[in-house]
């Protein structure tokens, strides 16, 4: 069975009504989750999720909370894989 690993990241959004920004720093802002995007195709989702999560933990420890991502594995039907010409080879 084939799985797709999906990811989404957090984006810094300027929430100041007047959109003030001083030297790259917003007067008020918040981190908002972005849309889900395809990341990886696999037949072993537990291993790949562990890999991506550990890699993200390193990025967060080096760059801060703004580098945080979420990961999720979703099953895709074999028929969908056969009909999609852009599907990369399975890992």
C-alpha atoms as a PDB file:
ATOM      1  CA  UNK A   1       0.000   0.000   0.000  1.00  0.00           C
ATOM      2  CA  UNK A   2       1.316   3.423  -0.920  1.00  0.00           C
ATOM      3  CA  UNK A   3       1.282   6.454   1.350  1.00  0.00           C
ATOM      4  CA  UNK A   4       1.893  10.133   0.765  1.00  0.00           C
ATOM      5  CA  UNK A   5       3.688  12.139   3.432  1.00  0.00           C
ATOM      6  CA  UNK A   6       2.106  15.584   3.709  1.00  0.00           C
ATOM      7  CA  UNK A   7       3.628  18.603   5.421  1.00  0.00           C
ATOM      8  CA  UNK A   8       2.694  22.127   6.358  1.00  0.00           C
ATOM      9  CA  UNK A   9       4.763  24.896   7.854  1.00  0.00           C
ATOM     10  CA  UNK A  10       4.175  27.961   9.936  1.00  0.00           C
ATOM     11  CA  UNK A  11       4.358  31.438   8.415  1.00  0.00           C
ATOM     12  CA  UNK A  12       4.873  34.712  10.251  1.00  0.00           C
ATOM     13  CA  UNK A  13       1.888  36.964   9.538  1.00  0.00           C
ATOM     14  CA  UNK A  14       1.831  40.681  10.291  1.00  0.00           C
ATOM     15  CA  UNK A  15      -1.339  41.204  12.375  1.00  0.00           C
ATOM     16  CA  UNK A  16      -0.918  44.932  12.958  1.00  0.00           C
ATOM     17  CA  UNK A  17      -3.948  46.787  11.508  1.00  0.00           C
ATOM     18  CA  UNK A  18      -1.641  49.548  10.243  1.00  0.00           C
ATOM     19  CA  UNK A  19       0.875  47.007   8.845  1.00  0.00           C
ATOM     20  CA  UNK A  20       3.778  48.678  10.650  1.00  0.00           C
ATOM     21  CA  UNK A  21       7.197  47.103  10.199  1.00  0.00           C
ATOM     22  CA  UNK A  22      10.442  48.512  11.641  1.00  0.00           C
ATOM     23  CA  UNK A  23      13.734  47.064  10.355  1.00  0.00           C
ATOM     24  CA  UNK A  24      12.026  43.769   9.502  1.00  0.00           C
ATOM     25  CA  UNK A  25      10.222  43.468  12.849  1.00  0.00           C
ATOM     26  CA  UNK A  26       6.431  43.686  12.898  1.00  0.00           C
ATOM     27  CA  UNK A  27       4.650  45.700  15.580  1.00  0.00           C
ATOM     28  CA  UNK A  28       2.431  42.645  16.155  1.00  0.00           C
ATOM     29  CA  UNK A  29       2.518  39.269  14.418  1.00  0.00           C
ATOM     30  CA  UNK A  30       1.647  35.608  14.857  1.00  0.00           C
ATOM     31  CA  UNK A  31       2.678  32.232  13.434  1.00  0.00           C
ATOM     32  CA  UNK A  32      -0.084  30.714  11.286  1.00  0.00           C
ATOM     33  CA  UNK A  33      -0.166  27.205   9.790  1.00  0.00           C
ATOM     34  CA  UNK A  34      -0.038  27.148   6.000  1.00  0.00           C
ATOM     35  CA  UNK A  35      -1.721  24.715   3.592  1.00  0.00           C
ATOM     36  CA  UNK A  36      -0.852  20.999   3.399  1.00  0.00           C
ATOM     37  CA  UNK A  37       1.597  20.058   0.616  1.00  0.00           C
ATOM     38  CA  UNK A  38       2.822  16.701  -0.712  1.00  0.00           C
ATOM     39  CA  UNK A  39       6.339  15.887   0.452  1.00  0.00           C
ATOM     40  CA  UNK A  40       7.147  12.214  -0.111  1.00  0.00           C
ATOM     41  CA  UNK A  41       5.722   8.933  -1.486  1.00  0.00           C
ATOM     42  CA  UNK A  42       6.487   5.785   0.496  1.00  0.00           C
ATOM     43  CA  UNK A  43       5.414   2.264   1.375  1.00  0.00           C
ATOM     44  CA  UNK A  44       6.842   2.601   4.917  1.00  0.00           C
ATOM     45  CA  UNK A  45       5.143   5.666   6.416  1.00  0.00           C
ATOM     46  CA  UNK A  46       6.265   5.134  10.035  1.00  0.00           C
ATOM     47  CA  UNK A  47       9.951   5.225   9.077  1.00  0.00           C
ATOM     48  CA  UNK A  48       9.570   8.269   6.837  1.00  0.00           C
ATOM     49  CA  UNK A  49       7.479  10.175   9.385  1.00  0.00           C
ATOM     50  CA  UNK A  50      10.127   9.485  12.021  1.00  0.00           C
ATOM     51  CA  UNK A  51      12.872  10.690   9.648  1.00  0.00           C
ATOM     52  CA  UNK A  52      11.077  13.936   8.731  1.00  0.00           C
ATOM     53  CA  UNK A  53      10.072  14.648  12.344  1.00  0.00           C
ATOM     54  CA  UNK A  54      13.632  14.179  13.634  1.00  0.00           C
ATOM     55  CA  UNK A  55      14.999  16.345  10.828  1.00  0.00           C
ATOM     56  CA  UNK A  56      12.500  19.074  11.713  1.00  0.00           C
ATOM     57  CA  UNK A  57      13.478  18.866  15.399  1.00  0.00           C
ATOM     58  CA  UNK A  58      17.055  19.716  14.395  1.00  0.00           C
ATOM     59  CA  UNK A  59      15.845  22.646  12.277  1.00  0.00           C
ATOM     60  CA  UNK A  60      13.688  23.995  15.122  1.00  0.00           C
ATOM     61  CA  UNK A  61      16.559  23.739  17.614  1.00  0.00           C
ATOM     62  CA  UNK A  62      18.828  25.682  15.216  1.00  0.00           C
ATOM     63  CA  UNK A  63      16.383  28.241  13.774  1.00  0.00           C
ATOM     64  CA  UNK A  64      13.575  28.508  16.326  1.00  0.00           C
ATOM     65  CA  UNK A  65       9.828  27.919  16.337  1.00  0.00           C
ATOM     66  CA  UNK A  66       9.390  29.521  12.925  1.00  0.00           C
ATOM     67  CA  UNK A  67      10.966  26.425  11.342  1.00  0.00           C
ATOM     68  CA  UNK A  68       8.393  24.067  12.863  1.00  0.00           C
ATOM     69  CA  UNK A  69       6.479  21.787  10.479  1.00  0.00           C
ATOM     70  CA  UNK A  70       3.736  19.204  10.883  1.00  0.00           C
ATOM     71  CA  UNK A  71       3.761  15.855   9.061  1.00  0.00           C
ATOM     72  CA  UNK A  72       0.994  13.409   8.254  1.00  0.00           C
ATOM     73  CA  UNK A  73       0.785  10.144   6.274  1.00  0.00           C
ATOM     74  CA  UNK A  74      -2.250   9.470   4.102  1.00  0.00           C
ATOM     75  CA  UNK A  75      -3.055   6.296   2.186  1.00  0.00           C
ATOM     76  CA  UNK A  76      -3.541   6.598  -1.552  1.00  0.00           C
ATOM     77  CA  UNK A  77      -5.307   3.994  -3.633  1.00  0.00           C
ATOM     78  CA  UNK A  78      -3.221   1.939  -6.078  1.00  0.00           C
ATOM     79  CA  UNK A  79      -5.532   3.063  -8.906  1.00  0.00           C
ATOM     80  CA  UNK A  80      -4.594   6.708  -8.229  1.00  0.00           C
ATOM     81  CA  UNK A  81      -0.883   5.849  -8.453  1.00  0.00           C
ATOM     82  CA  UNK A  82      -1.279   4.070 -11.801  1.00  0.00           C
ATOM     83  CA  UNK A  83      -3.220   6.983 -13.293  1.00  0.00           C
ATOM     84  CA  UNK A  84      -0.813   9.713 -12.137  1.00  0.00           C
ATOM     85  CA  UNK A  85       2.160  10.140 -14.490  1.00  0.00           C
ATOM     86  CA  UNK A  86       3.953  12.492 -12.064  1.00  0.00           C
ATOM     87  CA  UNK A  87       4.249  10.004  -9.193  1.00  0.00           C
ATOM     88  CA  UNK A  88       7.901   9.443  -8.258  1.00  0.00           C
ATOM     89  CA  UNK A  89       9.229   5.895  -7.685  1.00  0.00           C
ATOM     90  CA  UNK A  90       8.464   4.349  -4.288  1.00  0.00           C
ATOM     91  CA  UNK A  91      11.171   4.420  -1.628  1.00  0.00           C
END
